[in-house]
Amino acid sequence: MKIRRDFVTNSSSTSFIISTKEEWNKNNFMNAVGAVGKTPMNQVFSRLFEAINRNKEDILVYMKEYNSDLRDIGEFLEKEGYSKSVAKQVEEMLQKGRKVYYGKLSSDGDNFAEVYFCMESFVVCEDDIYFNGSIGGW
């Protein structure tokens, strides 16, 4: 039996896939999620954008760097726990020339929005944005 004597954490993470129809930037993200004008929710989505922006990486780059043995995006996403239909959606977005990003949100994150969205499972599939956070570690 092994006994761990150093720091132990109960942190978790949620993988996400995100793609916006327009170029990736804060203004386009805020418009895509409907956080326009002055609303109390703008701070939440502004902080969420910061967390995503800090933790995202081009999905093809991520796949090659961390899973170099995988040959295609479908195989990578299925290994990460996503369904074949999600893999198909991502492949279609890439074929259309959309940038697709992959990353993780953490319960040990830097801001409240990252922590909140890490604990939730969600999928937003609209024309302007695809945001899939359905694979969590809780």
N, C-alpha and C. Protein backbone atom coordinates (compact mmCIF):
# COMPACT_ATOMS: atom_id res chain seq x y z
N MET A 1 0.84 -1.17 0.00
CA MET A 1 0.00 0.00 0.00
C MET A 1 0.89 1.24 0.00
N LYS A 2 0.49 2.24 -0.82
CA LYS A 2 1.23 3.49 -0.86
C LYS A 2 0.46 4.55 -0.09
N ILE A 3 1.18 5.33 0.67
CA ILE A 3 0.58 6.43 1.41
C ILE A 3 1.15 7.72 0.87
N ARG A 4 0.27 8.60 0.46
CA ARG A 4 0.73 9.88 -0.07
C ARG A 4 0.90 10.85 1.09
N ARG A 5 2.07 11.49 1.15
CA ARG A 5 2.38 12.37 2.27
C ARG A 5 2.44 13.83 1.88
N ASP A 6 2.27 14.15 0.61
CA ASP A 6 2.32 15.54 0.20
C ASP A 6 0.91 16.06 -0.07
N PHE A 7 0.82 17.18 -0.72
CA PHE A 7 -0.46 17.85 -0.97
C PHE A 7 -1.37 17.00 -1.85
N VAL A 8 -2.62 16.86 -1.44
CA VAL A 8 -3.63 16.14 -2.22
C VAL A 8 -4.74 17.14 -2.52
N THR A 9 -5.21 17.14 -3.74
CA THR A 9 -6.24 18.09 -4.14
C THR A 9 -7.49 17.37 -4.62
N ASN A 10 -8.60 18.01 -4.47
CA ASN A 10 -9.86 17.50 -4.98
C ASN A 10 -10.28 18.31 -6.21
N SER A 11 -9.34 18.90 -6.87
CA SER A 11 -9.68 19.73 -8.02
C SER A 11 -10.16 18.86 -9.17
N SER A 12 -10.90 19.48 -10.04
CA SER A 12 -11.39 18.77 -11.21
C SER A 12 -11.28 19.69 -12.42
N SER A 13 -11.53 19.13 -13.58
CA SER A 13 -11.49 19.94 -14.78
C SER A 13 -12.59 19.50 -15.74
N THR A 14 -12.94 20.40 -16.61
CA THR A 14 -13.90 20.14 -17.66
C THR A 14 -13.24 20.46 -18.99
N SER A 15 -13.20 19.50 -19.87
CA SER A 15 -12.67 19.76 -21.20
C SER A 15 -13.69 20.57 -21.98
N PHE A 16 -13.20 21.40 -22.87
CA PHE A 16 -14.12 22.14 -23.72
C PHE A 16 -13.61 22.20 -25.16
N ILE A 17 -14.57 22.33 -26.05
CA ILE A 17 -14.32 22.58 -27.46
C ILE A 17 -15.07 23.86 -27.77
N ILE A 18 -14.41 24.81 -28.42
CA ILE A 18 -15.10 26.05 -28.76
C ILE A 18 -14.70 26.52 -30.14
N SER A 19 -15.69 27.04 -30.85
CA SER A 19 -15.46 27.61 -32.18
C SER A 19 -16.47 28.72 -32.39
N THR A 20 -16.01 29.85 -32.85
CA THR A 20 -16.92 30.94 -33.20
C THR A 20 -16.90 31.12 -34.71
N LYS A 21 -18.03 31.52 -35.25
CA LYS A 21 -18.15 31.72 -36.69
C LYS A 21 -17.20 32.83 -37.14
N GLU A 22 -17.14 33.88 -36.37
CA GLU A 22 -16.25 35.00 -36.66
C GLU A 22 -14.90 34.77 -35.98
N GLU A 23 -13.94 35.62 -36.29
CA GLU A 23 -12.61 35.54 -35.68
C GLU A 23 -12.71 35.52 -34.16
N TRP A 24 -11.82 34.75 -33.52
CA TRP A 24 -11.85 34.62 -32.06
C TRP A 24 -11.34 35.92 -31.43
N ASN A 25 -12.23 36.60 -30.74
CA ASN A 25 -11.85 37.74 -29.90
C ASN A 25 -12.99 37.97 -28.92
N LYS A 26 -12.75 38.82 -27.94
CA LYS A 26 -13.73 39.01 -26.87
C LYS A 26 -15.04 39.57 -27.39
N ASN A 27 -15.00 40.55 -28.26
CA ASN A 27 -16.23 41.14 -28.78
C ASN A 27 -17.08 40.10 -29.50
N ASN A 28 -16.47 39.30 -30.36
CA ASN A 28 -17.22 38.27 -31.08
C ASN A 28 -17.77 37.21 -30.14
N PHE A 29 -16.99 36.84 -29.13
CA PHE A 29 -17.47 35.86 -28.14
C PHE A 29 -18.68 36.42 -27.39
N MET A 30 -18.57 37.65 -26.91
CA MET A 30 -19.66 38.26 -26.14
C MET A 30 -20.93 38.36 -27.00
N ASN A 31 -20.78 38.73 -28.25
CA ASN A 31 -21.94 38.80 -29.15
C ASN A 31 -22.54 37.41 -29.37
N ALA A 32 -21.69 36.42 -29.55
CA ALA A 32 -22.16 35.06 -29.84
C ALA A 32 -22.94 34.46 -28.67
N VAL A 33 -22.55 34.80 -27.44
CA VAL A 33 -23.26 34.27 -26.27
C VAL A 33 -24.40 35.17 -25.83
N GLY A 34 -24.58 36.29 -26.53
CA GLY A 34 -25.69 37.19 -26.24
C GLY A 34 -25.45 38.13 -25.09
N ALA A 35 -24.21 38.33 -24.71
CA ALA A 35 -23.87 39.24 -23.61
C ALA A 35 -23.51 40.61 -24.20
N VAL A 36 -24.53 41.30 -24.68
CA VAL A 36 -24.33 42.61 -25.29
C VAL A 36 -25.00 43.67 -24.43
N GLY A 37 -24.51 44.87 -24.52
CA GLY A 37 -25.05 45.94 -23.68
C GLY A 37 -24.56 45.79 -22.26
N LYS A 38 -25.19 46.55 -21.38
CA LYS A 38 -24.81 46.49 -19.96
C LYS A 38 -25.80 45.61 -19.23
N THR A 39 -25.33 44.44 -18.85
CA THR A 39 -26.16 43.52 -18.07
C THR A 39 -25.32 42.95 -16.94
N PRO A 40 -25.95 42.49 -15.88
CA PRO A 40 -25.20 41.89 -14.78
C PRO A 40 -24.41 40.64 -15.22
N MET A 41 -24.88 39.95 -16.25
CA MET A 41 -24.21 38.73 -16.70
C MET A 41 -22.95 39.01 -17.51
N ASN A 42 -22.76 40.23 -17.96
CA ASN A 42 -21.58 40.53 -18.76
C ASN A 42 -20.28 40.21 -18.03
N GLN A 43 -20.23 40.48 -16.74
CA GLN A 43 -19.01 40.18 -15.98
C GLN A 43 -18.73 38.68 -15.97
N VAL A 44 -19.77 37.87 -15.85
CA VAL A 44 -19.59 36.42 -15.85
C VAL A 44 -19.00 35.98 -17.19
N PHE A 45 -19.60 36.42 -18.30
CA PHE A 45 -19.11 35.99 -19.61
C PHE A 45 -17.77 36.63 -19.97
N SER A 46 -17.51 37.81 -19.46
CA SER A 46 -16.20 38.43 -19.67
C SER A 46 -15.11 37.61 -18.99
N ARG A 47 -15.37 37.19 -17.76
CA ARG A 47 -14.42 36.34 -17.03
C ARG A 47 -14.30 34.95 -17.67
N LEU A 48 -15.42 34.43 -18.16
CA LEU A 48 -15.36 33.15 -18.85
C LEU A 48 -14.49 33.26 -20.10
N PHE A 49 -14.64 34.34 -20.85
CA PHE A 49 -13.79 34.56 -22.02
C PHE A 49 -12.31 34.54 -21.62
N GLU A 50 -11.97 35.24 -20.53
CA GLU A 50 -10.58 35.28 -20.06
C GLU A 50 -10.07 33.87 -19.77
N ALA A 51 -10.88 33.06 -19.11
CA ALA A 51 -10.47 31.69 -18.76
C ALA A 51 -10.31 30.84 -20.02
N ILE A 52 -11.26 30.94 -20.93
CA ILE A 52 -11.16 30.18 -22.18
C ILE A 52 -9.93 30.60 -22.95
N ASN A 53 -9.75 31.90 -23.08
CA ASN A 53 -8.62 32.43 -23.86
C ASN A 53 -7.28 31.98 -23.29
N ARG A 54 -7.19 31.92 -21.98
CA ARG A 54 -5.96 31.50 -21.31
C ARG A 54 -5.71 29.99 -21.45
N ASN A 55 -6.79 29.21 -21.53
CA ASN A 55 -6.66 27.75 -21.50
C ASN A 55 -6.88 27.05 -22.84
N LYS A 56 -7.16 27.79 -23.88
CA LYS A 56 -7.47 27.17 -25.17
C LYS A 56 -6.21 26.99 -26.01
N GLU A 57 -6.30 26.03 -26.92
CA GLU A 57 -5.24 25.81 -27.91
C GLU A 57 -5.91 25.27 -29.17
N ASP A 58 -5.38 25.62 -30.31
CA ASP A 58 -5.90 25.08 -31.56
C ASP A 58 -5.99 23.56 -31.41
N ILE A 59 -7.15 23.01 -31.72
CA ILE A 59 -7.39 21.58 -31.46
C ILE A 59 -6.42 20.69 -32.22
N LEU A 60 -6.05 21.07 -33.43
CA LEU A 60 -5.11 20.24 -34.21
C LEU A 60 -3.71 20.29 -33.62
N VAL A 61 -3.31 21.44 -33.11
CA VAL A 61 -2.01 21.57 -32.45
C VAL A 61 -2.00 20.77 -31.15
N TYR A 62 -3.07 20.91 -30.38
CA TYR A 62 -3.17 20.17 -29.12
C TYR A 62 -3.09 18.67 -29.37
N MET A 63 -3.84 18.22 -30.35
CA MET A 63 -3.88 16.79 -30.66
C MET A 63 -2.48 16.28 -31.02
N LYS A 64 -1.74 17.03 -31.82
CA LYS A 64 -0.41 16.60 -32.25
C LYS A 64 0.60 16.64 -31.10
N GLU A 65 0.50 17.66 -30.24
CA GLU A 65 1.46 17.82 -29.15
C GLU A 65 1.27 16.80 -28.04
N TYR A 66 0.03 16.51 -27.69
CA TYR A 66 -0.24 15.68 -26.53
C TYR A 66 -0.68 14.26 -26.84
N ASN A 67 -1.05 14.02 -28.08
CA ASN A 67 -1.50 12.69 -28.48
C ASN A 67 -0.97 12.38 -29.88
N SER A 68 0.32 12.40 -30.04
CA SER A 68 0.92 12.27 -31.37
C SER A 68 0.65 10.92 -32.02
N ASP A 69 0.22 9.94 -31.24
CA ASP A 69 -0.05 8.62 -31.80
C ASP A 69 -1.42 8.55 -32.50
N LEU A 70 -2.25 9.57 -32.30
CA LEU A 70 -3.58 9.57 -32.91
C LEU A 70 -3.51 10.15 -34.32
N ARG A 71 -4.32 9.59 -35.20
CA ARG A 71 -4.25 9.98 -36.61
C ARG A 71 -5.28 11.00 -37.04
N ASP A 72 -6.45 11.02 -36.38
CA ASP A 72 -7.46 11.98 -36.83
C ASP A 72 -8.22 12.56 -35.64
N ILE A 73 -8.94 13.62 -35.93
CA ILE A 73 -9.65 14.35 -34.89
C ILE A 73 -10.73 13.50 -34.23
N GLY A 74 -11.39 12.65 -35.00
CA GLY A 74 -12.42 11.78 -34.45
C GLY A 74 -11.86 10.83 -33.41
N GLU A 75 -10.73 10.24 -33.73
CA GLU A 75 -10.08 9.32 -32.79
C GLU A 75 -9.66 10.06 -31.51
N PHE A 76 -9.12 11.26 -31.68
CA PHE A 76 -8.70 12.06 -30.53
C PHE A 76 -9.89 12.39 -29.63
N LEU A 77 -10.98 12.89 -30.22
CA LEU A 77 -12.13 13.29 -29.41
C LEU A 77 -12.81 12.11 -28.73
N GLU A 78 -12.88 11.00 -29.42
CA GLU A 78 -13.46 9.81 -28.80
C GLU A 78 -12.60 9.33 -27.63
N LYS A 79 -11.30 9.43 -27.78
CA LYS A 79 -10.40 9.06 -26.68
C LYS A 79 -10.60 10.00 -25.48
N GLU A 80 -10.94 11.25 -25.76
CA GLU A 80 -11.18 12.23 -24.70
C GLU A 80 -12.57 12.09 -24.08
N GLY A 81 -13.42 11.22 -24.66
CA GLY A 81 -14.73 10.96 -24.08
C GLY A 81 -15.90 11.56 -24.83
N TYR A 82 -15.63 12.25 -25.93
CA TYR A 82 -16.71 12.83 -26.72
C TYR A 82 -17.31 11.78 -27.64
N SER A 83 -18.56 12.01 -28.03
CA SER A 83 -19.27 11.07 -28.89
C SER A 83 -18.84 11.21 -30.35
N LYS A 84 -19.23 10.24 -31.14
CA LYS A 84 -18.95 10.29 -32.58
C LYS A 84 -19.65 11.47 -33.23
N SER A 85 -20.83 11.83 -32.73
CA SER A 85 -21.54 12.97 -33.32
C SER A 85 -20.81 14.29 -33.05
N VAL A 86 -20.20 14.42 -31.88
CA VAL A 86 -19.40 15.62 -31.59
C VAL A 86 -18.18 15.65 -32.51
N ALA A 87 -17.53 14.50 -32.66
CA ALA A 87 -16.37 14.43 -33.55
C ALA A 87 -16.77 14.83 -34.97
N LYS A 88 -17.92 14.39 -35.41
CA LYS A 88 -18.40 14.73 -36.76
C LYS A 88 -18.63 16.24 -36.88
N GLN A 89 -19.24 16.85 -35.86
CA GLN A 89 -19.47 18.29 -35.88
C GLN A 89 -18.16 19.06 -35.96
N VAL A 90 -17.18 18.64 -35.18
CA VAL A 90 -15.87 19.30 -35.17
C VAL A 90 -15.21 19.14 -36.53
N GLU A 91 -15.24 17.95 -37.09
CA GLU A 91 -14.66 17.72 -38.41
C GLU A 91 -15.32 18.60 -39.46
N GLU A 92 -16.64 18.77 -39.38
CA GLU A 92 -17.34 19.62 -40.34
C GLU A 92 -16.93 21.09 -40.19
N MET A 93 -16.78 21.55 -38.95
CA MET A 93 -16.35 22.93 -38.73
C MET A 93 -14.95 23.15 -39.31
N LEU A 94 -14.06 22.20 -39.08
CA LEU A 94 -12.70 22.31 -39.61
C LEU A 94 -12.70 22.31 -41.14
N GLN A 95 -13.53 21.46 -41.75
CA GLN A 95 -13.62 21.42 -43.21
C GLN A 95 -14.14 22.73 -43.78
N LYS A 96 -14.98 23.43 -43.03
CA LYS A 96 -15.50 24.73 -43.47
C LYS A 96 -14.50 25.86 -43.22
N GLY A 97 -13.36 25.53 -42.65
CA GLY A 97 -12.33 26.53 -42.40
C GLY A 97 -12.45 27.26 -41.08
N ARG A 98 -13.33 26.79 -40.20
CA ARG A 98 -13.45 27.43 -38.90
C ARG A 98 -12.32 27.00 -37.98
N LYS A 99 -11.86 27.92 -37.16
CA LYS A 99 -10.90 27.60 -36.12
C LYS A 99 -11.64 26.91 -34.99
N VAL A 100 -11.08 25.81 -34.52
CA VAL A 100 -11.66 25.08 -33.40
C VAL A 100 -10.59 24.98 -32.33
N TYR A 101 -10.99 25.29 -31.10
CA TYR A 101 -10.06 25.26 -29.98
C TYR A 101 -10.48 24.19 -28.97
N TYR A 102 -9.48 23.68 -28.26
CA TYR A 102 -9.68 22.67 -27.24
C TYR A 102 -8.96 23.15 -25.98
N GLY A 103 -9.53 22.87 -24.83
CA GLY A 103 -8.87 23.25 -23.59
C GLY A 103 -9.59 22.66 -22.39
N LYS A 104 -9.18 23.11 -21.23
CA LYS A 104 -9.78 22.63 -19.98
C LYS A 104 -10.01 23.81 -19.05
N LEU A 105 -11.15 23.77 -18.38
CA LEU A 105 -11.45 24.71 -17.30
C LEU A 105 -11.23 23.95 -16.00
N SER A 106 -10.75 24.65 -14.97
CA SER A 106 -10.39 23.97 -13.73
C SER A 106 -11.16 24.53 -12.54
N SER A 107 -11.47 23.66 -11.60
CA SER A 107 -12.10 24.11 -10.36
C SER A 107 -11.12 24.89 -9.50
N ASP A 108 -9.85 24.84 -9.84
CA ASP A 108 -8.82 25.65 -9.18
C ASP A 108 -8.51 26.89 -10.01
N GLY A 109 -9.42 27.27 -10.87
CA GLY A 109 -9.20 28.36 -11.83
C GLY A 109 -8.96 29.71 -11.19
N ASP A 110 -8.59 30.65 -12.03
CA ASP A 110 -8.23 31.99 -11.58
C ASP A 110 -9.43 32.90 -11.30
N ASN A 111 -10.61 32.53 -11.81
CA ASN A 111 -11.75 33.40 -11.56
C ASN A 111 -13.03 32.58 -11.36
N PHE A 112 -14.03 33.24 -10.81
CA PHE A 112 -15.27 32.56 -10.45
C PHE A 112 -15.98 31.94 -11.64
N ALA A 113 -15.90 32.56 -12.81
CA ALA A 113 -16.59 32.02 -13.98
C ALA A 113 -15.97 30.69 -14.41
N GLU A 114 -14.65 30.59 -14.37
CA GLU A 114 -13.99 29.33 -14.72
C GLU A 114 -14.41 28.23 -13.76
N VAL A 115 -14.42 28.54 -12.48
CA VAL A 115 -14.81 27.54 -11.48
C VAL A 115 -16.26 27.13 -11.68
N TYR A 116 -17.15 28.09 -11.90
CA TYR A 116 -18.56 27.77 -12.09
C TYR A 116 -18.77 26.89 -13.32
N PHE A 117 -18.23 27.30 -14.46
CA PHE A 117 -18.45 26.53 -15.69
C PHE A 117 -17.72 25.19 -15.67
N CYS A 118 -16.68 25.07 -14.86
CA CYS A 118 -16.01 23.79 -14.70
C CYS A 118 -16.93 22.78 -14.03
N MET A 119 -17.82 23.25 -13.18
CA MET A 119 -18.70 22.36 -12.43
C MET A 119 -20.01 22.06 -13.17
N GLU A 120 -20.21 22.65 -14.32
CA GLU A 120 -21.43 22.46 -15.09
C GLU A 120 -21.14 21.70 -16.37
N SER A 121 -22.11 21.01 -16.87
CA SER A 121 -22.02 20.34 -18.16
C SER A 121 -22.92 21.12 -19.12
N PHE A 122 -22.40 21.49 -20.27
CA PHE A 122 -23.17 22.33 -21.17
C PHE A 122 -22.76 22.11 -22.62
N VAL A 123 -23.68 22.38 -23.52
CA VAL A 123 -23.41 22.38 -24.95
C VAL A 123 -24.22 23.52 -25.55
N VAL A 124 -23.55 24.41 -26.24
CA VAL A 124 -24.20 25.49 -26.97
C VAL A 124 -23.85 25.28 -28.44
N CYS A 125 -24.85 25.03 -29.24
CA CYS A 125 -24.64 24.77 -30.66
C CYS A 125 -25.52 25.72 -31.46
N GLU A 126 -24.98 26.88 -31.75
CA GLU A 126 -25.69 27.91 -32.51
C GLU A 126 -24.89 28.21 -33.77
N ASP A 127 -25.45 29.01 -34.64
CA ASP A 127 -24.75 29.36 -35.87
C ASP A 127 -23.46 30.13 -35.59
N ASP A 128 -23.51 31.04 -34.59
CA ASP A 128 -22.35 31.89 -34.31
C ASP A 128 -21.31 31.26 -33.40
N ILE A 129 -21.73 30.24 -32.63
CA ILE A 129 -20.80 29.66 -31.66
C ILE A 129 -21.12 28.19 -31.41
N TYR A 130 -20.06 27.41 -31.27
CA TYR A 130 -20.18 26.02 -30.81
C TYR A 130 -19.31 25.96 -29.56
N PHE A 131 -19.92 25.60 -28.44
CA PHE A 131 -19.21 25.56 -27.16
C PHE A 131 -19.67 24.32 -26.44
N ASN A 132 -18.79 23.32 -26.33
CA ASN A 132 -19.13 22.05 -25.73
C ASN A 132 -18.27 21.83 -24.49
N GLY A 133 -18.92 21.84 -23.35
CA GLY A 133 -18.25 21.58 -22.08
C GLY A 133 -18.92 20.40 -21.39
N SER A 134 -19.18 19.35 -22.14
CA SER A 134 -19.94 18.22 -21.59
C SER A 134 -19.08 17.17 -20.92
N ILE A 135 -17.76 17.25 -21.04
CA ILE A 135 -16.87 16.25 -20.45
C ILE A 135 -16.24 16.84 -19.20
N GLY A 136 -16.76 16.47 -18.04
CA GLY A 136 -16.25 17.00 -16.78
C GLY A 136 -15.57 15.95 -15.95
N GLY A 137 -14.83 16.42 -14.97
CA GLY A 137 -14.07 15.51 -14.12
C GLY A 137 -14.58 15.38 -12.71
N TRP A 138 -15.80 15.85 -12.43
CA TRP A 138 -16.33 15.73 -11.08
C TRP A 138 -16.73 14.32 -10.80
